[in-house]
Amino acid sequence: MKPSSLRIERLLAKVEAALARSARPRRYCFYYDEEAEAEAQGLPYVLLPRPLSREEWEKEYCHKEPEASS
């Protein structure tokens, strides 16, 4: 028994829909110091800050005010 042309079209539509979902553009994450590598790969990318340890974060963002001498 041969499949009807309508059935073949429906099956093709299912396959095309599955392929279209998997062909979505992806965005890759790179750190700022890896920007040259991202450019070389030619992929769509987003630059993210590198995660800091607690000590690095405190050194960068917790500036102590100078104490006033009396």
PDB file of N, CA and C in Angstrom:
ATOM      1  N   MET A   1       0.847  -1.169   0.000  1.00  0.00           N
ATOM      2  CA  MET A   1       0.000   0.000   0.000  1.00  0.00           C
ATOM      3  C   MET A   1       0.902   1.244   0.000  1.00  0.00           C
ATOM      4  N   LYS A   2       0.690   2.105  -0.978  1.00  0.00           N
ATOM      5  CA  LYS A   2       1.485   3.315  -1.117  1.00  0.00           C
ATOM      6  C   LYS A   2       0.898   4.417  -0.224  1.00  0.00           C
ATOM      7  N   PRO A   3       1.770   5.216   0.404  1.00  0.00           N
ATOM      8  CA  PRO A   3       1.249   6.354   1.184  1.00  0.00           C
ATOM      9  C   PRO A   3       0.697   7.423   0.240  1.00  0.00           C
ATOM     10  N   SER A   4      -0.345   8.083   0.669  1.00  0.00           N
ATOM     11  CA  SER A   4      -0.937   9.136  -0.158  1.00  0.00           C
ATOM     12  C   SER A   4      -0.023  10.361  -0.169  1.00  0.00           C
ATOM     13  N   SER A   5      -0.227  11.198  -1.137  1.00  0.00           N
ATOM     14  CA  SER A   5       0.599  12.406  -1.244  1.00  0.00           C
ATOM     15  C   SER A   5       0.366  13.330  -0.049  1.00  0.00           C
ATOM     16  N   LEU A   6      -0.842  13.333   0.500  1.00  0.00           N
ATOM     17  CA  LEU A   6      -1.134  14.156   1.667  1.00  0.00           C
ATOM     18  C   LEU A   6      -0.322  13.677   2.874  1.00  0.00           C
ATOM     19  N   ARG A   7      -0.250  12.365   3.040  1.00  0.00           N
ATOM     20  CA  ARG A   7       0.525  11.802   4.146  1.00  0.00           C
ATOM     21  C   ARG A   7       2.013  12.128   3.978  1.00  0.00           C
ATOM     22  N   ILE A   8       2.521  12.025   2.775  1.00  0.00           N
ATOM     23  CA  ILE A   8       3.926  12.352   2.518  1.00  0.00           C
ATOM     24  C   ILE A   8       4.195  13.823   2.831  1.00  0.00           C
ATOM     25  N   GLU A   9       3.308  14.696   2.442  1.00  0.00           N
ATOM     26  CA  GLU A   9       3.470  16.121   2.723  1.00  0.00           C
ATOM     27  C   GLU A   9       3.465  16.400   4.219  1.00  0.00           C
ATOM     28  N   ARG A  10       2.586  15.705   4.967  1.00  0.00           N
ATOM     29  CA  ARG A  10       2.548  15.888   6.413  1.00  0.00           C
ATOM     30  C   ARG A  10       3.848  15.412   7.057  1.00  0.00           C
ATOM     31  N   LEU A  11       4.359  14.286   6.612  1.00  0.00           N
ATOM     32  CA  LEU A  11       5.621  13.781   7.146  1.00  0.00           C
ATOM     33  C   LEU A  11       6.779  14.738   6.833  1.00  0.00           C
ATOM     34  N   LEU A  12       6.797  15.258   5.616  1.00  0.00           N
ATOM     35  CA  LEU A  12       7.832  16.228   5.253  1.00  0.00           C
ATOM     36  C   LEU A  12       7.738  17.499   6.099  1.00  0.00           C
ATOM     37  N   ALA A  13       6.518  17.938   6.368  1.00  0.00           N
ATOM     38  CA  ALA A  13       6.318  19.127   7.195  1.00  0.00           C
ATOM     39  C   ALA A  13       6.847  18.887   8.608  1.00  0.00           C
ATOM     40  N   LYS A  14       6.636  17.684   9.157  1.00  0.00           N
ATOM     41  CA  LYS A  14       7.143  17.359  10.483  1.00  0.00           C
ATOM     42  C   LYS A  14       8.672  17.386  10.505  1.00  0.00           C
ATOM     43  N   VAL A  15       9.284  16.826   9.468  1.00  0.00           N
ATOM     44  CA  VAL A  15      10.744  16.799   9.389  1.00  0.00           C
ATOM     45  C   VAL A  15      11.294  18.216   9.250  1.00  0.00           C
ATOM     46  N   GLU A  16      10.684  19.017   8.404  1.00  0.00           N
ATOM     47  CA  GLU A  16      11.142  20.399   8.224  1.00  0.00           C
ATOM     48  C   GLU A  16      11.003  21.197   9.516  1.00  0.00           C
ATOM     49  N   ALA A  17       9.921  20.974  10.255  1.00  0.00           N
ATOM     50  CA  ALA A  17       9.725  21.686  11.515  1.00  0.00           C
ATOM     51  C   ALA A  17      10.788  21.276  12.529  1.00  0.00           C
ATOM     52  N   ALA A  18      11.118  20.002  12.577  1.00  0.00           N
ATOM     53  CA  ALA A  18      12.156  19.535  13.508  1.00  0.00           C
ATOM     54  C   ALA A  18      13.514  20.120  13.142  1.00  0.00           C
ATOM     55  N   LEU A  19      13.817  20.206  11.866  1.00  0.00           N
ATOM     56  CA  LEU A  19      15.089  20.782  11.427  1.00  0.00           C
ATOM     57  C   LEU A  19      15.144  22.278  11.701  1.00  0.00           C
ATOM     58  N   ALA A  20      14.027  22.964  11.525  1.00  0.00           N
ATOM     59  CA  ALA A  20      13.996  24.408  11.745  1.00  0.00           C
ATOM     60  C   ALA A  20      14.226  24.727  13.219  1.00  0.00           C
ATOM     61  N   ARG A  21      13.699  23.892  14.125  1.00  0.00           N
ATOM     62  CA  ARG A  21      13.918  24.124  15.558  1.00  0.00           C
ATOM     63  C   ARG A  21      15.377  23.962  15.927  1.00  0.00           C
ATOM     64  N   SER A  22      16.030  22.969  15.365  1.00  0.00           N
ATOM     65  CA  SER A  22      17.426  22.723  15.720  1.00  0.00           C
ATOM     66  C   SER A  22      18.380  23.706  15.043  1.00  0.00           C
ATOM     67  N   ALA A  23      17.903  24.435  14.062  1.00  0.00           N
ATOM     68  CA  ALA A  23      18.763  25.369  13.334  1.00  0.00           C
ATOM     69  C   ALA A  23      18.695  26.784  13.902  1.00  0.00           C
ATOM     70  N   ARG A  24      18.112  26.933  15.104  1.00  0.00           N
ATOM     71  CA  ARG A  24      18.047  28.256  15.716  1.00  0.00           C
ATOM     72  C   ARG A  24      19.447  28.795  15.962  1.00  0.00           C
ATOM     73  N   PRO A  25      19.654  30.085  15.752  1.00  0.00           N
ATOM     74  CA  PRO A  25      20.984  30.637  16.011  1.00  0.00           C
ATOM     75  C   PRO A  25      21.294  30.560  17.501  1.00  0.00           C
ATOM     76  N   ARG A  26      22.533  30.251  17.820  1.00  0.00           N
ATOM     77  CA  ARG A  26      22.962  30.158  19.207  1.00  0.00           C
ATOM     78  C   ARG A  26      23.918  31.285  19.511  1.00  0.00           C
ATOM     79  N   ARG A  27      23.939  31.678  20.743  1.00  0.00           N
ATOM     80  CA  ARG A  27      24.842  32.732  21.181  1.00  0.00           C
ATOM     81  C   ARG A  27      25.820  32.106  22.166  1.00  0.00           C
ATOM     82  N   TYR A  28      27.060  32.362  21.965  1.00  0.00           N
ATOM     83  CA  TYR A  28      28.098  31.798  22.816  1.00  0.00           C
ATOM     84  C   TYR A  28      28.618  32.868  23.761  1.00  0.00           C
ATOM     85  N   CYS A  29      29.003  32.471  24.961  1.00  0.00           N
ATOM     86  CA  CYS A  29      29.493  33.396  25.981  1.00  0.00           C
ATOM     87  C   CYS A  29      31.009  33.320  26.069  1.00  0.00           C
ATOM     88  N   PHE A  30      31.624  34.473  26.015  1.00  0.00           N
ATOM     89  CA  PHE A  30      33.070  34.569  26.160  1.00  0.00           C
ATOM     90  C   PHE A  30      33.367  35.643  27.193  1.00  0.00           C
ATOM     91  N   TYR A  31      34.506  35.512  27.846  1.00  0.00           N
ATOM     92  CA  TYR A  31      34.952  36.554  28.768  1.00  0.00           C
ATOM     93  C   TYR A  31      35.665  37.632  27.969  1.00  0.00           C
ATOM     94  N   TYR A  32      35.799  38.820  28.573  1.00  0.00           N
ATOM     95  CA  TYR A  32      36.379  39.952  27.861  1.00  0.00           C
ATOM     96  C   TYR A  32      37.782  39.667  27.336  1.00  0.00           C
ATOM     97  N   ASP A  33      38.566  38.883  28.073  1.00  0.00           N
ATOM     98  CA  ASP A  33      39.924  38.605  27.617  1.00  0.00           C
ATOM     99  C   ASP A  33      39.965  37.542  26.521  1.00  0.00           C
ATOM    100  N   GLU A  34      38.828  36.974  26.157  1.00  0.00           N
ATOM    101  CA  GLU A  34      38.756  35.980  25.079  1.00  0.00           C
ATOM    102  C   GLU A  34      38.097  36.544  23.821  1.00  0.00           C
ATOM    103  N   GLU A  35      37.995  37.861  23.725  1.00  0.00           N
ATOM    104  CA  GLU A  35      37.286  38.482  22.605  1.00  0.00           C
ATOM    105  C   GLU A  35      37.936  38.152  21.260  1.00  0.00           C
ATOM    106  N   ALA A  36      39.256  38.092  21.195  1.00  0.00           N
ATOM    107  CA  ALA A  36      39.944  37.779  19.943  1.00  0.00           C
ATOM    108  C   ALA A  36      39.593  36.365  19.483  1.00  0.00           C
ATOM    109  N   GLU A  37      39.499  35.436  20.427  1.00  0.00           N
ATOM    110  CA  GLU A  37      39.127  34.063  20.090  1.00  0.00           C
ATOM    111  C   GLU A  37      37.701  33.999  19.549  1.00  0.00           C
ATOM    112  N   ALA A  38      36.796  34.768  20.153  1.00  0.00           N
ATOM    113  CA  ALA A  38      35.405  34.797  19.699  1.00  0.00           C
ATOM    114  C   ALA A  38      35.318  35.344  18.276  1.00  0.00           C
ATOM    115  N   GLU A  39      36.065  36.406  18.006  1.00  0.00           N
ATOM    116  CA  GLU A  39      36.090  36.985  16.658  1.00  0.00           C
ATOM    117  C   GLU A  39      36.640  35.984  15.649  1.00  0.00           C
ATOM    118  N   ALA A  40      37.682  35.255  16.050  1.00  0.00           N
ATOM    119  CA  ALA A  40      38.310  34.295  15.134  1.00  0.00           C
ATOM    120  C   ALA A  40      37.360  33.159  14.772  1.00  0.00           C
ATOM    121  N   GLN A  41      36.509  32.753  15.720  1.00  0.00           N
ATOM    122  CA  GLN A  41      35.572  31.665  15.448  1.00  0.00           C
ATOM    123  C   GLN A  41      34.417  32.109  14.561  1.00  0.00           C
ATOM    124  N   GLY A  42      34.128  33.398  14.538  1.00  0.00           N
ATOM    125  CA  GLY A  42      33.066  33.915  13.690  1.00  0.00           C
ATOM    126  C   GLY A  42      31.673  33.539  14.153  1.00  0.00           C
ATOM    127  N   LEU A  43      31.511  33.239  15.425  1.00  0.00           N
ATOM    128  CA  LEU A  43      30.215  32.853  15.967  1.00  0.00           C
ATOM    129  C   LEU A  43      29.544  34.060  16.615  1.00  0.00           C
ATOM    130  N   PRO A  44      28.214  34.063  16.693  1.00  0.00           N
ATOM    131  CA  PRO A  44      27.566  35.130  17.461  1.00  0.00           C
ATOM    132  C   PRO A  44      27.909  34.935  18.932  1.00  0.00           C
ATOM    133  N   TYR A  45      28.314  36.003  19.627  1.00  0.00           N
ATOM    134  CA  TYR A  45      28.763  35.837  20.995  1.00  0.00           C
ATOM    135  C   TYR A  45      28.348  37.017  21.858  1.00  0.00           C
ATOM    136  N   VAL A  46      28.440  36.799  23.165  1.00  0.00           N
ATOM    137  CA  VAL A  46      28.185  37.811  24.172  1.00  0.00           C
ATOM    138  C   VAL A  46      29.382  37.824  25.095  1.00  0.00           C
ATOM    139  N   LEU A  47      29.827  39.008  25.471  1.00  0.00           N
ATOM    140  CA  LEU A  47      30.947  39.116  26.397  1.00  0.00           C
ATOM    141  C   LEU A  47      30.426  39.220  27.822  1.00  0.00           C
ATOM    142  N   LEU A  48      31.002  38.424  28.716  1.00  0.00           N
ATOM    143  CA  LEU A  48      30.607  38.410  30.116  1.00  0.00           C
ATOM    144  C   LEU A  48      31.805  38.737  30.992  1.00  0.00           C
ATOM    145  N   PRO A  49      31.556  39.349  32.137  1.00  0.00           N
ATOM    146  CA  PRO A  49      32.672  39.557  33.064  1.00  0.00           C
ATOM    147  C   PRO A  49      33.060  38.227  33.704  1.00  0.00           C
ATOM    148  N   ARG A  50      34.335  38.084  33.957  1.00  0.00           N
ATOM    149  CA  ARG A  50      34.822  36.860  34.594  1.00  0.00           C
ATOM    150  C   ARG A  50      34.376  36.863  36.059  1.00  0.00           C
ATOM    151  N   PRO A  51      33.903  35.731  36.590  1.00  0.00           N
ATOM    152  CA  PRO A  51      33.485  35.709  38.000  1.00  0.00           C
ATOM    153  C   PRO A  51      34.679  35.943  38.923  1.00  0.00           C
ATOM    154  N   LEU A  52      34.459  36.758  39.940  1.00  0.00           N
ATOM    155  CA  LEU A  52      35.524  37.089  40.882  1.00  0.00           C
ATOM    156  C   LEU A  52      35.349  36.295  42.170  1.00  0.00           C
ATOM    157  N   SER A  53      36.467  35.987  42.799  1.00  0.00           N
ATOM    158  CA  SER A  53      36.404  35.374  44.121  1.00  0.00           C
ATOM    159  C   SER A  53      36.005  36.459  45.120  1.00  0.00           C
ATOM    160  N   ARG A  54      35.686  36.056  46.320  1.00  0.00           N
ATOM    161  CA  ARG A  54      35.285  37.038  47.329  1.00  0.00           C
ATOM    162  C   ARG A  54      36.401  38.053  47.592  1.00  0.00           C
ATOM    163  N   GLU A  55      37.643  37.572  47.679  1.00  0.00           N
ATOM    164  CA  GLU A  55      38.763  38.466  47.939  1.00  0.00           C
ATOM    165  C   GLU A  55      38.962  39.453  46.784  1.00  0.00           C
ATOM    166  N   GLU A  56      38.866  38.954  45.554  1.00  0.00           N
ATOM    167  CA  GLU A  56      39.020  39.834  44.384  1.00  0.00           C
ATOM    168  C   GLU A  56      37.902  40.868  44.341  1.00  0.00           C
ATOM    169  N   TRP A  57      36.679  40.456  44.676  1.00  0.00           N
ATOM    170  CA  TRP A  57      35.536  41.363  44.650  1.00  0.00           C
ATOM    171  C   TRP A  57      35.714  42.460  45.697  1.00  0.00           C
ATOM    172  N   GLU A  58      36.126  42.059  46.906  1.00  0.00           N
ATOM    173  CA  GLU A  58      36.325  43.050  47.963  1.00  0.00           C
ATOM    174  C   GLU A  58      37.432  44.030  47.606  1.00  0.00           C
ATOM    175  N   LYS A  59      38.516  43.543  47.026  1.00  0.00           N
ATOM    176  CA  LYS A  59      39.619  44.421  46.637  1.00  0.00           C
ATOM    177  C   LYS A  59      39.161  45.416  45.561  1.00  0.00           C
ATOM    178  N   GLU A  60      38.324  44.959  44.643  1.00  0.00           N
ATOM    179  CA  GLU A  60      37.877  45.799  43.531  1.00  0.00           C
ATOM    180  C   GLU A  60      36.809  46.811  43.946  1.00  0.00           C
ATOM    181  N   TYR A  61      35.849  46.387  44.778  1.00  0.00           N
ATOM    182  CA  TYR A  61      34.664  47.212  45.007  1.00  0.00           C
ATOM    183  C   TYR A  61      34.481  47.732  46.426  1.00  0.00           C
ATOM    184  N   CYS A  62      35.187  47.217  47.402  1.00  0.00           N
ATOM    185  CA  CYS A  62      35.021  47.670  48.787  1.00  0.00           C
ATOM    186  C   CYS A  62      36.172  48.592  49.168  1.00  0.00           C
ATOM    187  N   HIS A  63      36.073  49.825  48.758  1.00  0.00           N
ATOM    188  CA  HIS A  63      37.114  50.805  49.077  1.00  0.00           C
ATOM    189  C   HIS A  63      36.834  51.390  50.459  1.00  0.00           C
ATOM    190  N   LYS A  64      37.822  51.318  51.314  1.00  0.00           N
ATOM    191  CA  LYS A  64      37.658  51.872  52.657  1.00  0.00           C
ATOM    192  C   LYS A  64      37.957  53.370  52.618  1.00  0.00           C
ATOM    193  N   GLU A  65      37.138  54.109  53.341  1.00  0.00           N
ATOM    194  CA  GLU A  65      37.359  55.545  53.416  1.00  0.00           C
ATOM    195  C   GLU A  65      38.541  55.801  54.339  1.00  0.00           C
ATOM    196  N   PRO A  66      39.371  56.781  54.022  1.00  0.00           N
ATOM    197  CA  PRO A  66      40.499  57.082  54.915  1.00  0.00           C
ATOM    198  C   PRO A  66      39.976  57.577  56.253  1.00  0.00           C
ATOM    199  N   GLU A  67      40.605  57.098  57.318  1.00  0.00           N
ATOM    200  CA  GLU A  67      40.164  57.499  58.659  1.00  0.00           C
ATOM    201  C   GLU A  67      40.588  58.938  58.946  1.00  0.00           C
ATOM    202  N   ALA A  68      39.679  59.676  59.548  1.00  0.00           N
ATOM    203  CA  ALA A  68      39.991  61.072  59.898  1.00  0.00           C
ATOM    204  C   ALA A  68      40.747  61.097  61.215  1.00  0.00           C
ATOM    205  N   SER A  69      41.899  61.787  61.236  1.00  0.00           N
ATOM    206  CA  SER A  69      42.664  61.873  62.488  1.00  0.00           C
ATOM    207  C   SER A  69      42.150  63.041  63.317  1.00  0.00           C
ATOM    208  N   SER A  70      42.066  62.786  64.587  1.00  0.00           N
ATOM    209  CA  SER A  70      41.567  63.823  65.490  1.00  0.00           C
ATOM    210  C   SER A  70      42.689  64.603  66.114  1.00  0.00           C
TER     211      SER A  70
END
